[in-house]
């Protein structure tokens, strides 16, 4: 094997910190920001896409859902690919696919190409996101890792709010295709920078094979569960089809566990999910994402449906939410080593509950902005605690699949949040009443308060 010539090989061999780790984190963070932006940046452009392309209601819904389904359903494969083939190759391949798919989606002239591009974007995101997060776990250690995860979570949580602002500006300006085109130059610049800076990773020789059957089982099961959540938002939770999809997903996961215990080269050690830190981290990331989606869904539809605000004005009103989310994540990343995960997890969920309760008690534009900003600070804190708890103790060879697990539950939370809140708020979405929005904020506040009680019991205490 040839030696590296960039001066980083010796540091890696001696166990020293990578000299470019913070710069790498910056580029990886911007790449992750693009992936998160593409969930909310599209939502505010949907009315214009519907009109320009003549889409039906289901096609409009799938413009968002196709991305989430592919992103969440394939995440574990992306994490396993990072462990087997190297995180650098997986990050670059995923980023290249996402960038190319963004160009195709922006050029779409009909539903077929639009949805195909969104699915390809989701596949690229599923490859890149867990591999990028595994780099954060590998390159940083101790208190530095908590700070790095704070930056990562701030970009991810704040990115969703910035997506509403950016989507409004682009849609009102050059037009909806630019919500996709903007990814192309940014993606190419990041691709060139990461190809030069990311350290290589040794892989096992002979290289283990990907467990194809296990990959199919977990992807189909995850896809079935996410689709059940998406479908329930339109057709109801207590239906035969929803129940069948959930049962199908459960059966698939059982088959996956059995397969992992018998496969010669399993995708993951299922005992990883039974570890208290990993299990708690996945619960917290699911709660954080579900509450974050509730904030954006209820806020954007309230402003546009009830107050008749335009896309740009709605986006600007979410700027305080983005700032608060990033601030909550950053402060938590700095404090978690001293305070421990448990009190910060409880504080974040209680803050989210208080924020959601404000517009539930009195709904007007000022209280909605103030309440969602407070809730955003709480969810930002939760993202950091979840990542630090789930990933803080994993071994380097498990970082890819552990990151895939965390990222998968991130998408599960988004799907659950969107489906539940859309069902609860349906009365306000199709009528002139505010009751549906009020019910949605009440439900989110109650869920956050219940989550705080669970976090107080489940979250590991501060290590001695």
Protein backbone atom coordinates (compact mmCIF):
# COMPACT_ATOMS: atom_id res chain seq x y z
CA UNK A 1 0.00 0.00 0.00
CA UNK A 2 1.17 3.52 -0.75
CA UNK A 3 1.72 5.98 2.09
CA UNK A 4 -0.38 9.10 2.46
CA UNK A 5 1.43 12.27 1.50
CA UNK A 6 -0.82 14.85 3.13
CA UNK A 7 0.80 14.69 6.54
CA UNK A 8 -2.21 13.12 8.25
CA UNK A 9 -1.17 9.48 8.13
CA UNK A 10 1.31 9.77 10.98
CA UNK A 11 -1.25 11.45 13.18
CA UNK A 12 -3.78 8.72 12.45
CA UNK A 13 -1.24 5.98 13.17
CA UNK A 14 -0.14 7.54 16.45
CA UNK A 15 -3.72 8.00 17.65
CA UNK A 16 -3.38 11.80 17.50
CA UNK A 17 -6.33 13.96 16.62
CA UNK A 18 -6.72 14.65 12.91
CA UNK A 19 -5.36 18.17 12.22
CA UNK A 20 -8.18 18.99 9.78
CA UNK A 21 -11.00 17.56 11.89
CA UNK A 22 -12.82 20.85 12.49
CA UNK A 23 -12.58 21.87 8.85
CA UNK A 24 -13.84 18.43 7.81
CA UNK A 25 -16.73 18.81 10.27
CA UNK A 26 -17.62 22.12 8.65
CA UNK A 27 -17.88 20.63 5.16
CA UNK A 28 -19.70 17.50 6.39
CA UNK A 29 -22.07 19.73 8.35
CA UNK A 30 -22.95 21.80 5.29
CA UNK A 31 -23.53 18.59 3.32
CA UNK A 32 -25.84 17.29 6.07
CA UNK A 33 -27.55 20.68 6.09
CA UNK A 34 -28.45 20.18 2.42
CA UNK A 35 -30.05 16.82 3.18
CA UNK A 36 -32.16 18.24 6.01
CA UNK A 37 -33.05 21.36 4.03
CA UNK A 38 -34.50 19.19 1.30
CA UNK A 39 -37.28 18.02 3.62
CA UNK A 40 -38.64 21.49 4.47
CA UNK A 41 -37.36 23.60 1.56
CA UNK A 42 -39.66 21.68 -0.79
CA UNK A 43 -42.74 21.90 1.44
CA UNK A 44 -43.14 25.65 1.00
CA UNK A 45 -42.71 25.36 -2.80
CA UNK A 46 -45.36 22.64 -3.22
CA UNK A 47 -48.27 24.94 -4.26
CA UNK A 48 -46.13 26.36 -7.09
CA UNK A 49 -44.88 22.91 -8.18
CA UNK A 50 -48.48 21.65 -8.20
CA UNK A 51 -49.63 24.51 -10.44
CA UNK A 52 -46.68 24.50 -12.86
CA UNK A 53 -46.61 20.73 -13.42
CA UNK A 54 -50.35 20.10 -13.09
CA UNK A 55 -49.89 17.55 -10.31
CA UNK A 56 -52.69 15.79 -8.46
CA UNK A 57 -52.95 15.76 -4.66
CA UNK A 58 -51.24 12.38 -4.27
CA UNK A 59 -48.32 13.39 -6.50
CA UNK A 60 -47.87 16.54 -4.42
CA UNK A 61 -47.81 14.49 -1.20
CA UNK A 62 -45.28 12.04 -2.64
CA UNK A 63 -42.96 14.88 -3.65
CA UNK A 64 -42.09 15.08 0.06
CA UNK A 65 -42.79 11.48 1.07
CA UNK A 66 -40.72 9.79 -1.66
CA UNK A 67 -37.60 11.49 -0.36
CA UNK A 68 -38.35 10.64 3.28
CA UNK A 69 -39.20 7.03 2.41
CA UNK A 70 -35.96 6.39 0.49
CA UNK A 71 -33.87 8.36 2.99
CA UNK A 72 -35.19 6.53 6.05
CA UNK A 73 -35.68 3.09 4.52
CA UNK A 74 -32.11 2.75 3.20
CA UNK A 75 -30.26 4.35 6.12
CA UNK A 76 -29.01 1.13 7.73
CA UNK A 77 -27.58 0.01 4.39
CA UNK A 78 -25.73 3.32 4.17
CA UNK A 79 -24.32 2.80 7.65
CA UNK A 80 -23.24 -0.76 6.91
CA UNK A 81 -21.70 0.31 3.58
CA UNK A 82 -19.58 2.85 5.47
CA UNK A 83 -18.25 0.06 7.74
CA UNK A 84 -17.61 -2.39 4.88
CA UNK A 85 -16.35 -0.21 2.04
CA UNK A 86 -15.00 2.80 3.89
CA UNK A 87 -16.79 5.91 5.11
CA UNK A 88 -14.94 8.16 2.64
CA UNK A 89 -16.10 6.25 -0.43
CA UNK A 90 -19.65 6.08 0.89
CA UNK A 91 -19.81 9.80 1.68
CA UNK A 92 -18.50 10.78 -1.75
CA UNK A 93 -20.75 8.34 -3.62
CA UNK A 94 -23.83 9.48 -1.72
CA UNK A 95 -23.03 13.18 -2.18
CA UNK A 96 -22.42 12.72 -5.91
CA UNK A 97 -25.74 10.88 -6.35
CA UNK A 98 -27.63 13.48 -4.31
CA UNK A 99 -26.14 16.35 -6.32
CA UNK A 100 -26.90 14.75 -9.70
CA UNK A 101 -30.43 13.86 -8.60
CA UNK A 102 -31.02 17.47 -7.49
CA UNK A 103 -30.23 18.67 -11.02
CA UNK A 104 -32.58 16.09 -12.55
CA UNK A 105 -35.39 17.00 -10.14
CA UNK A 106 -35.09 20.70 -10.93
CA UNK A 107 -35.34 19.93 -14.65
CA UNK A 108 -38.49 17.81 -14.19
CA UNK A 109 -41.41 18.63 -16.44
CA UNK A 110 -43.84 16.11 -15.00
CA UNK A 111 -44.64 13.90 -12.05
CA UNK A 112 -42.58 10.90 -13.21
CA UNK A 113 -39.21 12.64 -13.42
CA UNK A 114 -39.95 14.73 -10.33
CA UNK A 115 -40.68 11.70 -8.13
CA UNK A 116 -37.83 9.68 -9.66
CA UNK A 117 -35.41 12.50 -8.85
CA UNK A 118 -36.72 12.72 -5.30
CA UNK A 119 -36.22 8.98 -4.77
CA UNK A 120 -32.66 9.22 -6.11
CA UNK A 121 -32.01 12.17 -3.77
CA UNK A 122 -33.20 9.98 -0.89
CA UNK A 123 -30.88 7.13 -1.89
CA UNK A 124 -27.91 9.50 -2.03
CA UNK A 125 -28.85 11.00 1.34
CA UNK A 126 -29.17 7.52 2.90
CA UNK A 127 -25.63 6.69 1.78
CA UNK A 128 -24.07 9.97 2.83
CA UNK A 129 -25.71 10.84 6.16
CA UNK A 130 -24.70 7.86 8.37
CA UNK A 131 -21.24 7.70 6.79
CA UNK A 132 -20.70 11.41 7.48
CA UNK A 133 -21.89 11.02 11.08
CA UNK A 134 -19.51 8.07 11.54
CA UNK A 135 -16.64 10.44 10.63
CA UNK A 136 -17.74 12.78 13.42
CA UNK A 137 -17.62 9.85 15.85
CA UNK A 138 -14.18 8.71 14.61
CA UNK A 139 -12.43 12.06 14.32
CA UNK A 140 -13.42 13.41 17.73
CA UNK A 141 -13.17 12.01 21.23
CA UNK A 142 -14.23 12.97 24.76
CA UNK A 143 -15.46 16.51 25.29
CA UNK A 144 -14.48 17.44 21.73
CA UNK A 145 -16.88 14.81 20.43
CA UNK A 146 -19.75 16.35 22.42
CA UNK A 147 -18.94 19.78 21.01
CA UNK A 148 -18.73 18.35 17.47
CA UNK A 149 -22.07 16.60 17.90
CA UNK A 150 -23.44 19.91 19.13
CA UNK A 151 -22.36 21.58 15.89
CA UNK A 152 -23.74 18.67 13.86
CA UNK A 153 -27.09 18.77 15.65
CA UNK A 154 -27.31 22.56 15.41
CA UNK A 155 -26.89 22.39 11.65
CA UNK A 156 -29.38 19.54 11.35
CA UNK A 157 -32.05 21.01 13.63
CA UNK A 158 -31.61 24.61 12.49
CA UNK A 159 -31.41 23.49 8.89
CA UNK A 160 -35.03 22.42 8.89
CA UNK A 161 -36.09 25.92 9.94
CA UNK A 162 -33.69 27.55 7.48
CA UNK A 163 -35.23 25.35 4.79
CA UNK A 164 -38.56 27.13 5.23
CA UNK A 165 -36.81 30.52 4.91
CA UNK A 166 -34.71 29.48 1.91
CA UNK A 167 -37.64 27.77 0.23
CA UNK A 168 -39.75 30.90 0.56
CA UNK A 169 -36.99 33.14 -0.84
CA UNK A 170 -36.20 30.88 -3.80
CA UNK A 171 -39.84 30.20 -4.66
CA UNK A 172 -40.72 33.89 -4.52
CA UNK A 173 -37.57 34.77 -6.49
CA UNK A 174 -36.14 32.66 -9.33
CA UNK A 175 -38.81 29.95 -8.98
CA UNK A 176 -39.34 26.51 -7.45
CA UNK A 177 -36.74 24.61 -9.58
CA UNK A 178 -34.07 26.54 -7.70
CA UNK A 179 -34.91 24.78 -4.44
CA UNK A 180 -33.22 21.83 -6.20
CA UNK A 181 -30.69 23.65 -8.40
CA UNK A 182 -29.10 25.35 -5.37
CA UNK A 183 -27.79 21.94 -4.26
CA UNK A 184 -25.70 21.49 -7.42
CA UNK A 185 -22.91 24.10 -7.05
CA UNK A 186 -22.79 23.61 -3.27
CA UNK A 187 -22.62 19.84 -3.66
CA UNK A 188 -19.79 20.02 -6.22
CA UNK A 189 -17.69 22.34 -4.04
CA UNK A 190 -18.15 20.10 -0.99
CA UNK A 191 -17.42 16.99 -3.06
CA UNK A 192 -14.09 18.43 -4.24
CA UNK A 193 -13.11 19.55 -0.73
CA UNK A 194 -14.01 16.28 0.98
CA UNK A 195 -12.30 14.16 -1.67
CA UNK A 196 -9.07 15.95 -0.75
CA UNK A 197 -9.46 16.24 3.03
CA UNK A 198 -11.24 13.11 4.27
CA UNK A 199 -8.85 10.50 5.65
CA UNK A 200 -8.92 7.05 4.13
CA UNK A 201 -10.12 4.11 6.16
CA UNK A 202 -8.68 0.63 6.23
CA UNK A 203 -11.21 -2.09 5.48
CA UNK A 204 -11.00 -5.75 6.35
CA UNK A 205 -9.12 -8.01 3.92
CA UNK A 206 -10.70 -10.19 2.71
CA UNK A 207 -13.58 -7.73 2.74
CA UNK A 208 -16.82 -9.12 4.27
CA UNK A 209 -19.73 -9.34 1.87
CA UNK A 210 -22.85 -7.24 2.31
CA UNK A 211 -25.68 -9.35 3.72
CA UNK A 212 -28.05 -8.88 0.77
CA UNK A 213 -30.99 -10.74 2.35
CA UNK A 214 -30.58 -8.82 5.61
CA UNK A 215 -30.36 -5.55 3.68
CA UNK A 216 -33.56 -6.36 1.77
CA UNK A 217 -35.39 -7.33 4.96
CA UNK A 218 -34.47 -4.21 6.92
CA UNK A 219 -35.07 -1.89 3.95
CA UNK A 220 -38.47 -3.39 3.14
CA UNK A 221 -39.48 -3.33 6.81
CA UNK A 222 -38.37 0.27 7.31
CA UNK A 223 -40.05 1.31 4.07
CA UNK A 224 -43.28 -0.45 5.07
CA UNK A 225 -43.33 1.24 8.49
CA UNK A 226 -42.58 4.71 7.11
CA UNK A 227 -45.22 4.24 4.39
CA UNK A 228 -47.72 3.23 7.08
CA UNK A 229 -47.04 6.50 8.92
CA UNK A 230 -47.31 8.53 5.71
CA UNK A 231 -50.51 6.79 4.59
CA UNK A 232 -52.13 7.11 8.03
CA UNK A 233 -51.98 10.88 7.73
CA UNK A 234 -54.34 10.72 4.73
CA UNK A 235 -56.44 7.62 5.41
CA UNK A 236 -56.51 7.29 9.21
CA UNK A 237 -54.64 5.27 11.79
CA UNK A 238 -57.31 2.67 12.58
CA UNK A 239 -57.62 1.08 9.14
CA UNK A 240 -56.95 -2.42 7.87
CA UNK A 241 -54.29 -1.18 5.44
CA UNK A 242 -52.37 0.72 8.13
CA UNK A 243 -52.52 -2.26 10.48
CA UNK A 244 -51.37 -4.63 7.75
CA UNK A 245 -48.40 -2.41 6.89
CA UNK A 246 -47.34 -2.18 10.55
CA UNK A 247 -47.67 -5.96 11.00
CA UNK A 248 -45.70 -6.52 7.80
CA UNK A 249 -42.94 -4.25 9.09
CA UNK A 250 -42.91 -6.03 12.48
CA UNK A 251 -42.67 -9.45 10.80
CA UNK A 252 -39.86 -8.18 8.61
CA UNK A 253 -37.89 -6.89 11.59
CA UNK A 254 -38.30 -10.23 13.39
CA UNK A 255 -37.02 -12.00 10.27
CA UNK A 256 -34.13 -9.53 10.13
CA UNK A 257 -33.12 -10.30 13.73
CA UNK A 258 -33.21 -14.04 13.00
CA UNK A 259 -31.16 -13.50 9.86
CA UNK A 260 -28.51 -11.50 11.75
CA UNK A 261 -27.99 -14.38 14.16
CA UNK A 262 -27.44 -16.89 11.34
CA UNK A 263 -25.71 -14.92 8.56
CA UNK A 264 -22.00 -15.47 7.92
CA UNK A 265 -21.47 -11.70 7.54
CA UNK A 266 -24.38 -10.00 9.34
CA UNK A 267 -25.25 -6.35 8.77
CA UNK A 268 -25.15 -5.56 12.47
CA UNK A 269 -24.87 -7.02 15.94
CA UNK A 270 -28.51 -6.81 17.07
CA UNK A 271 -27.28 -6.66 20.67
CA UNK A 272 -26.25 -3.07 19.81
CA UNK A 273 -29.92 -2.05 19.97
CA UNK A 274 -30.27 -3.57 23.44
CA UNK A 275 -27.58 -1.34 24.91
CA UNK A 276 -29.17 1.27 27.13
CA UNK A 277 -27.32 4.27 25.64
CA UNK A 278 -28.18 3.30 22.06
CA UNK A 279 -31.82 2.50 22.88
CA UNK A 280 -32.23 5.77 24.81
CA UNK A 281 -30.53 7.78 22.06
CA UNK A 282 -32.85 6.38 19.40
CA UNK A 283 -35.90 7.22 21.55
CA UNK A 284 -34.69 10.79 22.06
CA UNK A 285 -33.85 11.35 18.38
CA UNK A 286 -37.31 10.07 17.40
CA UNK A 287 -38.98 12.43 19.88
CA UNK A 288 -36.83 15.39 18.83
CA UNK A 289 -37.54 14.94 15.13
CA UNK A 290 -41.28 14.32 15.61
CA UNK A 291 -41.58 17.52 17.67
CA UNK A 292 -39.46 19.48 15.19
CA UNK A 293 -41.70 18.42 12.30
CA UNK A 294 -44.76 19.35 14.38
CA UNK A 295 -43.30 22.86 14.83
CA UNK A 296 -42.78 23.36 11.10
CA UNK A 297 -45.99 21.72 9.98
CA UNK A 298 -48.28 23.58 12.37
CA UNK A 299 -46.40 26.86 12.02
CA UNK A 300 -46.20 26.98 8.23
CA UNK A 301 -49.81 25.91 7.67
CA UNK A 302 -51.09 28.31 10.34
CA UNK A 303 -49.29 31.25 8.76
CA UNK A 304 -50.30 30.39 5.19
CA UNK A 305 -53.83 29.02 5.74
CA UNK A 306 -55.12 30.98 8.71
CA UNK A 307 -53.20 34.25 8.28
CA UNK A 308 -52.80 34.11 4.46
CA UNK A 309 -49.09 35.01 4.64
CA UNK A 310 -46.94 34.47 1.54
CA UNK A 311 -44.07 31.99 1.22
CA UNK A 312 -41.32 34.56 1.86
CA UNK A 313 -43.03 36.12 4.88
CA UNK A 314 -43.67 32.67 6.35
CA UNK A 315 -40.03 31.76 5.87
CA UNK A 316 -38.84 34.93 7.60
CA UNK A 317 -41.06 34.21 10.59
CA UNK A 318 -39.17 30.93 11.07
CA UNK A 319 -35.80 32.66 11.38
CA UNK A 320 -36.13 32.90 15.21
CA UNK A 321 -36.86 29.15 15.30
CA UNK A 322 -33.66 28.41 13.36
CA UNK A 323 -31.56 30.64 15.62
CA UNK A 324 -33.09 29.17 18.79
CA UNK A 325 -32.57 25.60 17.58
CA UNK A 326 -28.92 26.21 16.79
CA UNK A 327 -28.39 28.02 20.10
CA UNK A 328 -29.99 25.20 22.09
CA UNK A 329 -27.83 22.61 20.34
CA UNK A 330 -24.63 24.61 20.71
CA UNK A 331 -25.10 25.30 24.43
CA UNK A 332 -25.99 21.68 25.10
CA UNK A 333 -22.90 20.46 23.27
CA UNK A 334 -20.76 22.62 25.53
CA UNK A 335 -22.55 21.64 28.76
CA UNK A 336 -23.21 17.92 28.36
CA UNK A 337 -19.78 16.80 29.61
CA UNK A 338 -20.28 18.71 32.88
CA UNK A 339 -24.02 18.30 33.43
CA UNK A 340 -24.56 14.81 32.03
CA UNK A 341 -27.16 13.62 29.53
CA UNK A 342 -30.14 12.97 31.82
CA UNK A 343 -30.86 16.51 33.12
CA UNK A 344 -30.31 18.01 29.67
CA UNK A 345 -32.65 15.49 28.01
CA UNK A 346 -35.38 16.27 30.56
CA UNK A 347 -34.78 20.02 30.25
CA UNK A 348 -34.94 19.89 26.46
CA UNK A 349 -38.24 18.01 26.44
CA UNK A 350 -39.76 20.27 29.10
CA UNK A 351 -38.68 23.33 27.11
CA UNK A 352 -40.33 21.86 24.02
CA UNK A 353 -43.52 21.18 26.02
CA UNK A 354 -43.63 24.77 27.30
CA UNK A 355 -43.04 26.17 23.84
CA UNK A 356 -45.80 24.07 22.29
CA UNK A 357 -48.21 25.06 25.07
CA UNK A 358 -47.87 28.80 24.38
CA UNK A 359 -49.78 28.88 21.03
CA UNK A 360 -52.18 26.22 22.34
CA UNK A 361 -53.29 28.66 25.06
CA UNK A 362 -53.41 31.77 22.85
CA UNK A 363 -52.97 31.53 19.09
CA UNK A 364 -51.83 34.55 17.10
CA UNK A 365 -48.70 35.18 14.97
CA UNK A 366 -46.67 36.54 17.90
CA UNK A 367 -47.40 33.60 20.23
CA UNK A 368 -46.83 31.06 17.46
CA UNK A 369 -43.39 32.55 16.65
CA UNK A 370 -42.43 32.83 20.34
CA UNK A 371 -43.70 29.37 21.25
CA UNK A 372 -42.12 27.57 18.30
CA UNK A 373 -38.80 29.33 18.96
CA UNK A 374 -38.81 28.08 22.58
CA UNK A 375 -39.73 24.59 21.38
CA UNK A 376 -36.95 24.81 18.79
CA UNK A 377 -34.39 25.49 21.52
CA UNK A 378 -35.62 22.38 23.34
CA UNK A 379 -35.45 20.14 20.28
CA UNK A 380 -31.98 21.46 19.46
CA UNK A 381 -30.81 20.37 22.90
CA UNK A 382 -32.44 16.95 22.43
CA UNK A 383 -30.61 16.32 19.15
CA UNK A 384 -27.26 16.75 20.89
CA UNK A 385 -28.19 14.58 23.88
CA UNK A 386 -29.57 11.86 21.61
CA UNK A 387 -26.46 11.73 19.41
CA UNK A 388 -24.02 11.92 22.32
CA UNK A 389 -25.89 9.21 24.24
CA UNK A 390 -26.26 6.78 21.35
CA UNK A 391 -22.83 7.28 19.79
CA UNK A 392 -20.61 8.29 22.70
CA UNK A 393 -19.55 4.76 23.68
CA UNK A 394 -19.58 2.83 20.38
CA UNK A 395 -16.41 1.22 19.07
CA UNK A 396 -14.88 2.63 15.85
CA UNK A 397 -15.87 -0.45 13.81
CA UNK A 398 -19.51 0.06 14.94
CA UNK A 399 -19.70 3.77 14.22
CA UNK A 400 -21.18 3.39 10.74
CA UNK A 401 -24.05 1.10 11.66
CA UNK A 402 -24.70 2.96 14.94
CA UNK A 403 -24.92 6.21 12.98
CA UNK A 404 -27.28 4.46 10.56
CA UNK A 405 -29.55 3.44 13.45
CA UNK A 406 -29.67 7.00 14.81
CA UNK A 407 -30.32 8.43 11.34
CA UNK A 408 -33.06 5.86 10.66
CA UNK A 409 -34.95 6.84 13.81
CA UNK A 410 -34.50 10.48 12.78
CA UNK A 411 -36.56 9.74 9.66
CA UNK A 412 -39.03 7.61 11.61
CA UNK A 413 -39.63 10.59 13.87
CA UNK A 414 -40.20 12.86 10.87
CA UNK A 415 -42.73 10.43 9.37
CA UNK A 416 -44.55 9.88 12.66
CA UNK A 417 -44.66 13.60 13.42
CA UNK A 418 -45.99 14.55 9.99
CA UNK A 419 -48.61 11.78 9.91
CA UNK A 420 -49.94 12.33 13.44
CA UNK A 421 -49.98 16.13 13.33
CA UNK A 422 -51.59 16.25 9.87
CA UNK A 423 -54.37 13.95 11.11
CA UNK A 424 -54.98 15.99 14.27
CA UNK A 425 -54.87 19.33 12.43
CA UNK A 426 -57.08 18.17 9.54
CA UNK A 427 -60.04 20.31 10.64
CA UNK A 428 -57.99 23.49 10.22
CA UNK A 429 -56.37 22.37 6.97
CA UNK A 430 -59.70 21.92 5.17
CA UNK A 431 -61.80 24.57 6.98
CA UNK A 432 -61.70 28.01 8.54
CA UNK A 433 -61.40 26.93 12.19
CA UNK A 434 -58.27 27.13 14.35
CA UNK A 435 -59.34 24.14 16.44
CA UNK A 436 -57.19 21.69 14.49
CA UNK A 437 -54.05 23.79 14.97
CA UNK A 438 -54.83 24.18 18.69
CA UNK A 439 -55.32 20.42 19.06
CA UNK A 440 -52.02 19.83 17.27
CA UNK A 441 -50.08 22.10 19.64
CA UNK A 442 -51.80 20.51 22.67
CA UNK A 443 -50.88 17.02 21.49
CA UNK A 444 -47.26 18.05 20.87
CA UNK A 445 -47.02 19.64 24.33
CA UNK A 446 -48.46 16.55 26.04
CA UNK A 447 -46.14 14.24 24.06
CA UNK A 448 -43.09 16.32 25.01
CA UNK A 449 -44.07 16.33 28.70
CA UNK A 450 -44.59 12.55 28.65
CA UNK A 451 -41.25 12.19 26.89
CA UNK A 452 -39.58 14.16 29.68
CA UNK A 453 -40.86 11.65 32.24
CA UNK A 454 -39.60 8.76 30.13
CA UNK A 455 -36.21 10.46 29.63
CA UNK A 456 -35.82 10.93 33.39
CA UNK A 457 -36.11 7.15 33.82
CA UNK A 458 -34.35 5.87 30.69
CA UNK A 459 -31.41 8.22 30.12
CA UNK A 460 -28.16 6.93 31.65
CA UNK A 461 -26.77 8.99 34.51
CA UNK A 462 -23.50 10.87 34.39
CA UNK A 463 -20.51 8.49 34.27
CA UNK A 464 -18.39 8.44 37.41
